[in-house]
Amino acid sequence: MSEITGQDIDDSVEVRLPLWTDYGRNLRLGKRVYINDNVQITDLGGISLADDVLIGPGAMLLSVNHPLDPAKRRAVVVEPIKVERNAWIGAGAKILAGVTIGENAVVGAGAVVTKSVPANTVVAGVPAKVIKTIEG
């Protein structure tokens, strides 16, 4: 991971293979991050995973999009993704460009997250919506 990201990665980080990324240099990993297998990270727009983040198998973090205007559609629009401390992204979830996943938040399996997720909430569905607040 150090070779892919160009940064020192803490020994506490665990990544299950295969991992798919288009670039890698715009990926920042905190401590005790766990990335399960078959995760796709499109990091051209920048992706940061804070300490204690969990990412389930087959999740996608996509920091790149395309304009809606058909004449400009082959261009790319990049926006960062931030996953804050202790957040959990469930299996097969998709996190789209410009989204922040708040501290302690949970993204349900298969959710498509198009808008930022508040801290201490559970979101699920397509598109993802808050379904529960986490008390702790």
N, C-alpha and C. Protein backbone atom coordinates (compact mmCIF):
# COMPACT_ATOMS: atom_id res chain seq x y z
N MET A 1 0.82 -1.19 0.00
CA MET A 1 0.00 0.00 0.00
C MET A 1 0.87 1.25 0.00
N SER A 2 2.01 1.19 0.65
CA SER A 2 2.90 2.35 0.65
C SER A 2 3.36 2.69 -0.77
N GLU A 3 3.62 1.67 -1.56
CA GLU A 3 4.05 1.89 -2.94
C GLU A 3 2.92 2.49 -3.78
N ILE A 4 1.70 2.04 -3.56
CA ILE A 4 0.55 2.54 -4.32
C ILE A 4 0.23 3.98 -3.93
N THR A 5 0.25 4.29 -2.63
CA THR A 5 -0.16 5.61 -2.16
C THR A 5 0.97 6.62 -2.12
N GLY A 6 2.21 6.14 -2.10
CA GLY A 6 3.35 7.04 -1.99
C GLY A 6 3.51 7.62 -0.61
N GLN A 7 2.95 6.97 0.40
CA GLN A 7 3.05 7.43 1.78
C GLN A 7 3.29 6.26 2.71
N ASP A 8 3.78 6.54 3.89
CA ASP A 8 3.94 5.49 4.89
C ASP A 8 2.55 5.07 5.38
N ILE A 9 2.33 3.76 5.44
CA ILE A 9 1.06 3.22 5.91
C ILE A 9 1.33 2.54 7.25
N ASP A 10 0.50 2.86 8.25
CA ASP A 10 0.65 2.28 9.57
C ASP A 10 0.50 0.76 9.51
N ASP A 11 1.26 0.06 10.32
CA ASP A 11 1.19 -1.41 10.37
C ASP A 11 -0.17 -1.94 10.78
N SER A 12 -1.00 -1.09 11.40
CA SER A 12 -2.32 -1.52 11.85
C SER A 12 -3.35 -1.60 10.72
N VAL A 13 -3.02 -1.08 9.54
CA VAL A 13 -3.93 -1.09 8.40
C VAL A 13 -3.96 -2.49 7.80
N GLU A 14 -5.17 -2.98 7.51
CA GLU A 14 -5.31 -4.30 6.87
C GLU A 14 -6.12 -4.15 5.59
N VAL A 15 -5.56 -4.67 4.50
CA VAL A 15 -6.22 -4.62 3.20
C VAL A 15 -6.28 -6.03 2.64
N ARG A 16 -7.50 -6.50 2.36
CA ARG A 16 -7.70 -7.81 1.75
C ARG A 16 -7.69 -7.65 0.23
N LEU A 17 -7.07 -8.56 -0.45
CA LEU A 17 -6.98 -8.51 -1.90
C LEU A 17 -8.06 -9.36 -2.55
N PRO A 18 -8.49 -9.03 -3.75
CA PRO A 18 -7.97 -7.93 -4.56
C PRO A 18 -8.54 -6.59 -4.14
N LEU A 19 -7.74 -5.55 -4.39
CA LEU A 19 -8.13 -4.16 -4.23
C LEU A 19 -7.94 -3.50 -5.59
N TRP A 20 -8.92 -2.74 -6.01
CA TRP A 20 -8.86 -2.09 -7.32
C TRP A 20 -8.77 -0.58 -7.11
N THR A 21 -7.79 0.05 -7.74
CA THR A 21 -7.67 1.50 -7.69
C THR A 21 -7.19 2.00 -9.04
N ASP A 22 -7.60 3.21 -9.38
CA ASP A 22 -7.20 3.78 -10.66
C ASP A 22 -5.91 4.58 -10.55
N TYR A 23 -5.57 5.01 -9.35
CA TYR A 23 -4.41 5.87 -9.21
C TYR A 23 -3.66 5.54 -7.92
N GLY A 24 -4.24 5.80 -6.78
CA GLY A 24 -3.63 5.46 -5.50
C GLY A 24 -2.94 6.60 -4.80
N ARG A 25 -2.39 7.54 -5.54
CA ARG A 25 -1.62 8.64 -4.91
C ARG A 25 -2.51 9.63 -4.17
N ASN A 26 -3.80 9.61 -4.42
CA ASN A 26 -4.73 10.53 -3.75
C ASN A 26 -5.55 9.82 -2.67
N LEU A 27 -5.04 8.69 -2.19
CA LEU A 27 -5.70 7.93 -1.13
C LEU A 27 -4.92 8.14 0.16
N ARG A 28 -5.61 8.53 1.23
CA ARG A 28 -4.99 8.73 2.54
C ARG A 28 -5.64 7.77 3.52
N LEU A 29 -4.83 7.02 4.25
CA LEU A 29 -5.33 6.01 5.18
C LEU A 29 -4.88 6.33 6.59
N GLY A 30 -5.83 6.33 7.52
CA GLY A 30 -5.52 6.50 8.93
C GLY A 30 -5.04 5.19 9.54
N LYS A 31 -5.06 5.11 10.84
CA LYS A 31 -4.64 3.91 11.56
C LYS A 31 -5.83 2.97 11.75
N ARG A 32 -5.52 1.69 11.82
CA ARG A 32 -6.52 0.63 12.07
C ARG A 32 -7.64 0.61 11.04
N VAL A 33 -7.35 1.03 9.82
CA VAL A 33 -8.31 0.95 8.71
C VAL A 33 -8.35 -0.49 8.23
N TYR A 34 -9.55 -0.98 7.96
CA TYR A 34 -9.73 -2.33 7.42
C TYR A 34 -10.50 -2.23 6.11
N ILE A 35 -9.89 -2.73 5.04
CA ILE A 35 -10.53 -2.74 3.71
C ILE A 35 -10.66 -4.20 3.30
N ASN A 36 -11.89 -4.66 3.16
CA ASN A 36 -12.13 -6.05 2.79
C ASN A 36 -11.86 -6.26 1.30
N ASP A 37 -12.11 -7.45 0.81
CA ASP A 37 -11.74 -7.81 -0.57
C ASP A 37 -12.69 -7.20 -1.61
N ASN A 38 -12.17 -7.10 -2.82
CA ASN A 38 -12.92 -6.62 -3.99
C ASN A 38 -13.44 -5.19 -3.85
N VAL A 39 -12.73 -4.37 -3.11
CA VAL A 39 -13.10 -2.97 -2.98
C VAL A 39 -12.50 -2.20 -4.15
N GLN A 40 -13.29 -1.28 -4.72
CA GLN A 40 -12.82 -0.42 -5.81
C GLN A 40 -12.71 1.00 -5.29
N ILE A 41 -11.52 1.59 -5.46
CA ILE A 41 -11.26 2.95 -5.01
C ILE A 41 -10.81 3.78 -6.22
N THR A 42 -11.66 4.71 -6.63
CA THR A 42 -11.33 5.62 -7.73
C THR A 42 -11.00 6.94 -7.06
N ASP A 43 -9.70 7.20 -6.88
CA ASP A 43 -9.25 8.27 -5.98
C ASP A 43 -8.74 9.52 -6.66
N LEU A 44 -8.98 9.70 -7.94
CA LEU A 44 -8.46 10.87 -8.64
C LEU A 44 -8.88 12.16 -7.95
N GLY A 45 -10.08 12.21 -7.38
CA GLY A 45 -10.57 13.39 -6.67
C GLY A 45 -10.13 13.48 -5.23
N GLY A 46 -9.48 12.43 -4.75
CA GLY A 46 -9.02 12.38 -3.37
C GLY A 46 -9.97 11.61 -2.48
N ILE A 47 -9.42 10.67 -1.73
CA ILE A 47 -10.20 9.89 -0.76
C ILE A 47 -9.39 9.81 0.51
N SER A 48 -10.03 10.16 1.64
CA SER A 48 -9.36 10.02 2.93
C SER A 48 -10.20 9.14 3.84
N LEU A 49 -9.52 8.16 4.42
CA LEU A 49 -10.14 7.23 5.35
C LEU A 49 -9.48 7.47 6.71
N ALA A 50 -10.25 7.97 7.67
CA ALA A 50 -9.73 8.30 8.99
C ALA A 50 -9.47 7.03 9.80
N ASP A 51 -8.96 7.21 10.98
CA ASP A 51 -8.68 6.08 11.87
C ASP A 51 -9.93 5.23 12.10
N ASP A 52 -9.73 3.91 12.18
CA ASP A 52 -10.75 2.94 12.57
C ASP A 52 -11.89 2.76 11.57
N VAL A 53 -11.68 3.17 10.32
CA VAL A 53 -12.70 2.99 9.28
C VAL A 53 -12.72 1.52 8.85
N LEU A 54 -13.93 1.00 8.63
CA LEU A 54 -14.14 -0.36 8.12
C LEU A 54 -14.85 -0.26 6.77
N ILE A 55 -14.34 -1.01 5.79
CA ILE A 55 -14.98 -1.04 4.47
C ILE A 55 -15.25 -2.49 4.10
N GLY A 56 -16.52 -2.80 3.84
CA GLY A 56 -16.94 -4.16 3.55
C GLY A 56 -16.58 -4.60 2.14
N PRO A 57 -16.68 -5.91 1.89
CA PRO A 57 -16.31 -6.46 0.58
C PRO A 57 -17.17 -5.87 -0.54
N GLY A 58 -16.50 -5.60 -1.66
CA GLY A 58 -17.20 -5.15 -2.85
C GLY A 58 -17.68 -3.72 -2.82
N ALA A 59 -17.29 -2.94 -1.81
CA ALA A 59 -17.69 -1.53 -1.76
C ALA A 59 -16.96 -0.75 -2.85
N MET A 60 -17.53 0.38 -3.24
CA MET A 60 -16.92 1.26 -4.25
C MET A 60 -16.90 2.68 -3.71
N LEU A 61 -15.73 3.31 -3.78
CA LEU A 61 -15.59 4.72 -3.43
C LEU A 61 -15.15 5.42 -4.70
N LEU A 62 -16.02 6.26 -5.25
CA LEU A 62 -15.84 6.81 -6.60
C LEU A 62 -15.78 8.34 -6.54
N SER A 63 -14.58 8.90 -6.54
CA SER A 63 -14.42 10.35 -6.42
C SER A 63 -14.43 11.05 -7.78
N VAL A 64 -14.83 10.35 -8.82
CA VAL A 64 -14.87 10.90 -10.18
C VAL A 64 -16.29 10.76 -10.72
N ASN A 65 -16.71 11.79 -11.44
CA ASN A 65 -18.03 11.78 -12.06
C ASN A 65 -17.89 12.40 -13.46
N HIS A 66 -18.99 12.51 -14.16
CA HIS A 66 -19.01 13.12 -15.49
C HIS A 66 -20.12 14.17 -15.53
N PRO A 67 -19.97 15.23 -16.32
CA PRO A 67 -21.02 16.23 -16.45
C PRO A 67 -22.29 15.63 -17.07
N LEU A 68 -23.43 16.19 -16.72
CA LEU A 68 -24.69 15.73 -17.31
C LEU A 68 -24.85 16.20 -18.74
N ASP A 69 -24.30 17.34 -19.08
CA ASP A 69 -24.40 17.90 -20.42
C ASP A 69 -23.79 16.91 -21.42
N PRO A 70 -24.60 16.38 -22.36
CA PRO A 70 -24.08 15.38 -23.29
C PRO A 70 -22.86 15.86 -24.08
N ALA A 71 -22.78 17.14 -24.38
CA ALA A 71 -21.65 17.67 -25.16
C ALA A 71 -20.35 17.65 -24.35
N LYS A 72 -20.47 17.58 -23.02
CA LYS A 72 -19.30 17.62 -22.15
C LYS A 72 -19.10 16.32 -21.38
N ARG A 73 -19.86 15.31 -21.69
CA ARG A 73 -19.92 14.10 -20.88
C ARG A 73 -18.60 13.33 -20.79
N ARG A 74 -17.73 13.45 -21.76
CA ARG A 74 -16.46 12.72 -21.71
C ARG A 74 -15.44 13.38 -20.78
N ALA A 75 -15.76 14.57 -20.30
CA ALA A 75 -14.91 15.23 -19.31
C ALA A 75 -15.11 14.56 -17.96
N VAL A 76 -14.22 14.83 -17.04
CA VAL A 76 -14.39 14.29 -15.69
C VAL A 76 -14.54 15.43 -14.69
N VAL A 77 -15.34 15.16 -13.67
CA VAL A 77 -15.52 16.06 -12.55
C VAL A 77 -15.03 15.31 -11.33
N VAL A 78 -14.09 15.89 -10.60
CA VAL A 78 -13.54 15.21 -9.42
C VAL A 78 -13.92 15.97 -8.16
N GLU A 79 -14.33 15.22 -7.14
CA GLU A 79 -14.66 15.77 -5.84
C GLU A 79 -14.21 14.76 -4.79
N PRO A 80 -13.63 15.25 -3.68
CA PRO A 80 -13.10 14.33 -2.68
C PRO A 80 -14.19 13.57 -1.92
N ILE A 81 -13.79 12.43 -1.40
CA ILE A 81 -14.61 11.64 -0.48
C ILE A 81 -13.87 11.60 0.84
N LYS A 82 -14.60 11.88 1.93
CA LYS A 82 -14.03 11.79 3.28
C LYS A 82 -14.83 10.78 4.07
N VAL A 83 -14.13 9.84 4.69
CA VAL A 83 -14.77 8.89 5.59
C VAL A 83 -14.16 9.14 6.96
N GLU A 84 -14.98 9.65 7.87
CA GLU A 84 -14.48 10.07 9.17
C GLU A 84 -14.34 8.90 10.15
N ARG A 85 -13.71 9.19 11.26
CA ARG A 85 -13.31 8.19 12.25
C ARG A 85 -14.43 7.21 12.62
N ASN A 86 -14.06 5.95 12.64
CA ASN A 86 -14.91 4.87 13.12
C ASN A 86 -16.16 4.64 12.27
N ALA A 87 -16.18 5.12 11.03
CA ALA A 87 -17.32 4.86 10.15
C ALA A 87 -17.18 3.46 9.55
N TRP A 88 -18.32 2.89 9.18
CA TRP A 88 -18.36 1.54 8.62
C TRP A 88 -19.17 1.61 7.33
N ILE A 89 -18.54 1.18 6.24
CA ILE A 89 -19.20 1.11 4.94
C ILE A 89 -19.47 -0.35 4.65
N GLY A 90 -20.74 -0.71 4.52
CA GLY A 90 -21.14 -2.09 4.35
C GLY A 90 -20.82 -2.66 2.97
N ALA A 91 -20.95 -3.98 2.88
CA ALA A 91 -20.65 -4.72 1.65
C ALA A 91 -21.44 -4.18 0.47
N GLY A 92 -20.73 -3.95 -0.64
CA GLY A 92 -21.38 -3.55 -1.88
C GLY A 92 -21.91 -2.14 -1.91
N ALA A 93 -21.66 -1.35 -0.88
CA ALA A 93 -22.12 0.04 -0.88
C ALA A 93 -21.31 0.85 -1.89
N LYS A 94 -21.93 1.91 -2.38
CA LYS A 94 -21.27 2.81 -3.34
C LYS A 94 -21.30 4.22 -2.77
N ILE A 95 -20.12 4.82 -2.63
CA ILE A 95 -19.98 6.18 -2.12
C ILE A 95 -19.56 7.05 -3.29
N LEU A 96 -20.37 8.05 -3.62
CA LEU A 96 -20.13 8.87 -4.80
C LEU A 96 -19.32 10.13 -4.48
N ALA A 97 -18.81 10.76 -5.51
CA ALA A 97 -17.94 11.93 -5.40
C ALA A 97 -18.58 13.03 -4.56
N GLY A 98 -17.74 13.67 -3.74
CA GLY A 98 -18.17 14.81 -2.94
C GLY A 98 -18.83 14.47 -1.62
N VAL A 99 -18.91 13.19 -1.29
CA VAL A 99 -19.61 12.75 -0.09
C VAL A 99 -18.65 12.66 1.10
N THR A 100 -19.15 13.05 2.28
CA THR A 100 -18.47 12.81 3.54
C THR A 100 -19.33 11.86 4.35
N ILE A 101 -18.69 10.82 4.86
CA ILE A 101 -19.36 9.88 5.77
C ILE A 101 -18.93 10.29 7.18
N GLY A 102 -19.87 10.70 8.01
CA GLY A 102 -19.57 11.25 9.33
C GLY A 102 -19.03 10.22 10.31
N GLU A 103 -18.45 10.75 11.38
CA GLU A 103 -17.87 9.92 12.44
C GLU A 103 -18.91 8.94 12.99
N ASN A 104 -18.52 7.69 13.16
CA ASN A 104 -19.35 6.61 13.72
C ASN A 104 -20.53 6.22 12.84
N ALA A 105 -20.67 6.79 11.65
CA ALA A 105 -21.81 6.47 10.79
C ALA A 105 -21.65 5.07 10.21
N VAL A 106 -22.79 4.48 9.84
CA VAL A 106 -22.83 3.17 9.20
C VAL A 106 -23.58 3.30 7.88
N VAL A 107 -22.98 2.80 6.81
CA VAL A 107 -23.62 2.75 5.50
C VAL A 107 -24.03 1.31 5.27
N GLY A 108 -25.32 1.05 5.13
CA GLY A 108 -25.83 -0.29 4.96
C GLY A 108 -25.35 -0.94 3.67
N ALA A 109 -25.30 -2.27 3.70
CA ALA A 109 -24.88 -3.03 2.52
C ALA A 109 -25.73 -2.66 1.32
N GLY A 110 -25.07 -2.44 0.19
CA GLY A 110 -25.76 -2.16 -1.06
C GLY A 110 -26.27 -0.74 -1.23
N ALA A 111 -26.07 0.11 -0.24
CA ALA A 111 -26.55 1.49 -0.33
C ALA A 111 -25.79 2.26 -1.41
N VAL A 112 -26.46 3.25 -1.99
CA VAL A 112 -25.81 4.17 -2.92
C VAL A 112 -25.88 5.55 -2.26
N VAL A 113 -24.71 6.05 -1.84
CA VAL A 113 -24.65 7.28 -1.06
C VAL A 113 -24.33 8.44 -2.00
N THR A 114 -25.32 9.31 -2.19
CA THR A 114 -25.20 10.44 -3.11
C THR A 114 -25.02 11.77 -2.38
N LYS A 115 -25.30 11.77 -1.06
CA LYS A 115 -25.19 12.97 -0.24
C LYS A 115 -24.46 12.63 1.05
N SER A 116 -23.85 13.62 1.66
CA SER A 116 -23.09 13.39 2.88
C SER A 116 -23.97 12.79 3.98
N VAL A 117 -23.33 11.97 4.82
CA VAL A 117 -24.01 11.22 5.87
C VAL A 117 -23.63 11.85 7.22
N PRO A 118 -24.62 12.23 8.03
CA PRO A 118 -24.29 12.81 9.33
C PRO A 118 -23.59 11.80 10.25
N ALA A 119 -22.84 12.33 11.20
CA ALA A 119 -22.20 11.49 12.21
C ALA A 119 -23.27 10.74 13.00
N ASN A 120 -22.92 9.56 13.49
CA ASN A 120 -23.77 8.78 14.40
C ASN A 120 -25.13 8.43 13.81
N THR A 121 -25.16 8.13 12.51
CA THR A 121 -26.39 7.69 11.87
C THR A 121 -26.15 6.42 11.07
N VAL A 122 -27.23 5.74 10.77
CA VAL A 122 -27.20 4.59 9.86
C VAL A 122 -27.98 5.01 8.62
N VAL A 123 -27.38 4.81 7.43
CA VAL A 123 -28.08 5.07 6.19
C VAL A 123 -28.18 3.77 5.40
N ALA A 124 -29.24 3.67 4.59
CA ALA A 124 -29.42 2.49 3.74
C ALA A 124 -30.31 2.88 2.57
N GLY A 125 -30.27 2.06 1.53
CA GLY A 125 -31.17 2.24 0.40
C GLY A 125 -30.51 2.89 -0.80
N VAL A 126 -31.36 3.05 -1.85
CA VAL A 126 -30.92 3.64 -3.10
C VAL A 126 -31.95 4.70 -3.49
N PRO A 127 -31.63 5.98 -3.37
CA PRO A 127 -30.42 6.51 -2.76
C PRO A 127 -30.48 6.35 -1.24
N ALA A 128 -29.33 6.38 -0.60
CA ALA A 128 -29.24 6.18 0.83
C ALA A 128 -29.97 7.28 1.60
N LYS A 129 -30.69 6.87 2.63
CA LYS A 129 -31.39 7.80 3.52
C LYS A 129 -31.13 7.37 4.97
N VAL A 130 -31.17 8.33 5.88
CA VAL A 130 -31.00 8.03 7.30
C VAL A 130 -32.16 7.16 7.75
N ILE A 131 -31.82 6.02 8.37
CA ILE A 131 -32.87 5.14 8.89
C ILE A 131 -32.81 5.00 10.42
N LYS A 132 -31.69 5.46 11.00
CA LYS A 132 -31.54 5.30 12.44
C LYS A 132 -30.43 6.22 12.94
N THR A 133 -30.58 6.64 14.20
CA THR A 133 -29.52 7.37 14.89
C THR A 133 -28.85 6.40 15.84
N ILE A 134 -27.52 6.49 15.91
CA ILE A 134 -26.76 5.61 16.79
C ILE A 134 -26.55 6.32 18.12
N GLU A 135 -26.95 5.65 19.17
CA GLU A 135 -26.72 6.19 20.52
C GLU A 135 -25.49 5.51 21.09
N GLY A 136 -24.69 6.24 21.76
CA GLY A 136 -23.51 5.59 22.29
C GLY A 136 -22.88 6.39 23.29
